[in-house]
Amino acid sequence: MEEQNYKNHVRYYPPHHFVFYPVLMILMSFSTWFIFKYEEQSLLWLFVTLGLFMLGYLAFMLRQHYALNNQNRIVRLELRFRYYVLTGNRLEDFEGKLSEGQLFALRFASDQELPALVSRVLTENISADEIKRSIVNWLPDHMRV
């Protein structure tokens, strides 16, 4: 498996990203075109287009919603545990000062970098993207949703 870093940490789910959504977009494009091509049936094609849009929206939201909420809880617990093991201090004491994006970006920091990076985030309030860019030793997360 390729070493994970800032440039390649985005994860795609091929059946959704490269099959389902492209096919759905093609079908929506055709149904939208049919609205104007077959004016006597435009209302029918409008409903087909809206139905396809809703199908895509629901598929995206449901696929992500439950899995991401569970993943976020696990990542937060893992980060709390790692921080406590490394520093002996509880992350919960100042976790409220960090955004979810900042917390989730910190998960990629190695054990050597995590305590200093948390301190930097608290003092400088750097963004999640800046956190990821500043990580030297990337801790991969190959199992996320």
Protein backbone atom coordinates (compact mmCIF):
# COMPACT_ATOMS: atom_id res chain seq x y z
CA MET A 1 0.00 0.00 0.00
CA GLU A 2 1.29 3.46 -0.90
CA GLU A 3 2.47 5.65 1.97
CA GLN A 4 -0.27 8.09 2.91
CA ASN A 5 0.39 11.83 2.96
CA TYR A 6 -1.38 15.15 2.35
CA LYS A 7 -1.47 14.74 -1.43
CA ASN A 8 -3.02 11.27 -1.48
CA HIS A 9 -5.15 11.09 1.69
CA VAL A 10 -8.50 11.61 -0.05
CA ARG A 11 -10.36 8.33 -0.38
CA TYR A 12 -12.78 7.40 -3.16
CA TYR A 13 -15.38 4.65 -3.19
CA PRO A 14 -15.28 3.52 -6.86
CA PRO A 15 -18.83 2.08 -7.15
CA HIS A 16 -20.28 5.37 -5.97
CA HIS A 17 -17.81 7.91 -7.31
CA PHE A 18 -17.04 6.33 -10.68
CA VAL A 19 -20.15 4.27 -11.53
CA PHE A 20 -23.34 5.28 -9.69
CA TYR A 21 -22.90 9.06 -9.75
CA PRO A 22 -21.69 9.32 -13.37
CA VAL A 23 -24.57 7.12 -14.56
CA LEU A 24 -26.99 9.18 -12.49
CA MET A 25 -25.60 12.42 -13.98
CA ILE A 26 -25.97 11.04 -17.51
CA LEU A 27 -29.57 10.01 -16.83
CA MET A 28 -30.32 13.42 -15.32
CA SER A 29 -28.78 15.14 -18.33
CA PHE A 30 -30.91 13.11 -20.74
CA SER A 31 -34.09 13.63 -18.74
CA THR A 32 -33.40 17.37 -18.57
CA TRP A 33 -32.83 17.42 -22.34
CA PHE A 34 -36.10 15.49 -22.85
CA ILE A 35 -37.97 18.23 -20.94
CA PHE A 36 -37.21 20.60 -23.81
CA LYS A 37 -37.21 18.09 -26.67
CA TYR A 38 -40.63 16.59 -25.91
CA GLU A 39 -42.61 19.61 -24.77
CA GLU A 40 -45.93 17.72 -24.64
CA GLN A 41 -44.37 15.41 -22.02
CA SER A 42 -42.23 18.03 -20.28
CA LEU A 43 -44.04 17.67 -16.95
CA LEU A 44 -43.34 13.92 -16.91
CA TRP A 45 -39.65 14.47 -17.70
CA LEU A 46 -39.46 17.19 -15.06
CA PHE A 47 -40.68 14.70 -12.45
CA VAL A 48 -38.22 12.08 -13.73
CA THR A 49 -35.39 14.61 -13.43
CA LEU A 50 -36.45 15.63 -9.93
CA GLY A 51 -36.77 11.97 -8.94
CA LEU A 52 -33.26 11.21 -10.18
CA PHE A 53 -31.91 14.26 -8.36
CA MET A 54 -33.57 13.17 -5.11
CA LEU A 55 -32.24 9.63 -5.59
CA GLY A 56 -28.71 10.96 -5.95
CA TYR A 57 -29.07 13.32 -3.01
CA LEU A 58 -30.46 10.62 -0.73
CA ALA A 59 -27.83 8.10 -1.82
CA PHE A 60 -25.07 10.58 -1.04
CA MET A 61 -26.48 11.66 2.31
CA LEU A 62 -27.38 8.20 3.59
CA ARG A 63 -24.13 6.61 2.45
CA GLN A 64 -22.15 9.17 4.33
CA HIS A 65 -24.26 10.15 7.31
CA TYR A 66 -24.24 7.11 9.57
CA ALA A 67 -20.76 5.94 8.73
CA LEU A 68 -19.22 9.39 9.16
CA ASN A 69 -20.90 10.04 12.51
CA ASN A 70 -19.60 6.75 13.83
CA GLN A 71 -16.15 7.36 12.36
CA ASN A 72 -16.01 10.84 13.89
CA ARG A 73 -16.75 9.43 17.36
CA ILE A 74 -14.04 6.80 16.98
CA VAL A 75 -11.46 9.28 15.68
CA ARG A 76 -12.22 11.66 18.56
CA LEU A 77 -11.84 8.84 21.12
CA GLU A 78 -8.61 7.65 19.52
CA LEU A 79 -7.20 11.17 19.54
CA ARG A 80 -8.15 11.66 23.19
CA PHE A 81 -6.47 8.38 24.10
CA ARG A 82 -3.31 9.10 22.10
CA TYR A 83 -2.99 12.58 23.58
CA TYR A 84 -3.44 11.27 27.12
CA VAL A 85 -0.89 8.48 26.62
CA LEU A 86 1.63 10.91 25.14
CA THR A 87 1.20 13.81 27.58
CA GLY A 88 -0.64 12.52 30.64
CA ASN A 89 -3.14 15.36 30.13
CA ARG A 90 -6.73 15.10 29.00
CA LEU A 91 -7.57 16.51 25.59
CA GLU A 92 -11.16 17.06 26.76
CA ASP A 93 -9.97 19.96 28.95
CA PHE A 94 -9.50 22.18 25.89
CA GLU A 95 -11.14 20.15 23.13
CA GLY A 96 -13.98 22.70 23.00
CA LYS A 97 -11.53 25.31 21.71
CA LEU A 98 -10.81 23.20 18.63
CA SER A 99 -13.11 22.81 15.65
CA GLU A 100 -14.07 19.36 14.42
CA GLY A 101 -11.94 19.95 11.33
CA GLN A 102 -8.91 20.75 13.45
CA LEU A 103 -9.46 17.68 15.62
CA PHE A 104 -9.85 15.39 12.65
CA ALA A 105 -6.77 16.84 10.95
CA LEU A 106 -4.71 16.20 14.08
CA ARG A 107 -5.35 12.46 13.75
CA PHE A 108 -2.79 12.32 10.92
CA ALA A 109 0.02 13.65 13.13
CA SER A 110 2.58 11.13 14.36
CA ASP A 111 3.01 10.58 18.10
CA GLN A 112 6.19 12.68 18.04
CA GLU A 113 4.38 15.65 16.49
CA LEU A 114 0.95 15.48 18.13
CA PRO A 115 1.55 17.27 21.48
CA ALA A 116 3.44 20.17 19.91
CA LEU A 117 0.92 20.43 17.08
CA VAL A 118 -2.00 20.56 19.53
CA SER A 119 -0.24 23.37 21.40
CA ARG A 120 0.34 25.22 18.15
CA VAL A 121 -3.29 24.83 17.10
CA LEU A 122 -4.45 26.19 20.47
CA THR A 123 -2.13 29.22 20.35
CA GLU A 124 -2.27 30.07 16.64
CA ASN A 125 -5.72 28.66 15.77
CA ILE A 126 -4.46 27.28 12.44
CA SER A 127 -6.91 25.70 10.01
CA ALA A 128 -7.36 21.98 9.40
CA ASP A 129 -5.65 22.30 6.04
CA GLU A 130 -2.68 24.08 7.62
CA ILE A 131 -2.47 21.33 10.24
CA LYS A 132 -2.30 18.66 7.55
CA ARG A 133 0.31 20.61 5.58
CA SER A 134 2.53 21.02 8.63
CA ILE A 135 2.66 17.31 9.47
CA VAL A 136 6.08 15.89 8.67
CA ASN A 137 5.54 12.24 9.68
CA TRP A 138 2.09 11.39 8.40
CA LEU A 139 0.16 8.77 10.40
CA PRO A 140 -1.96 7.03 7.76
CA ASP A 141 -5.65 6.29 8.17
CA HIS A 142 -6.47 3.68 5.52
CA MET A 143 -9.66 2.48 7.19
CA ARG A 144 -11.77 5.63 7.15
CA VAL A 145 -15.06 5.92 5.30
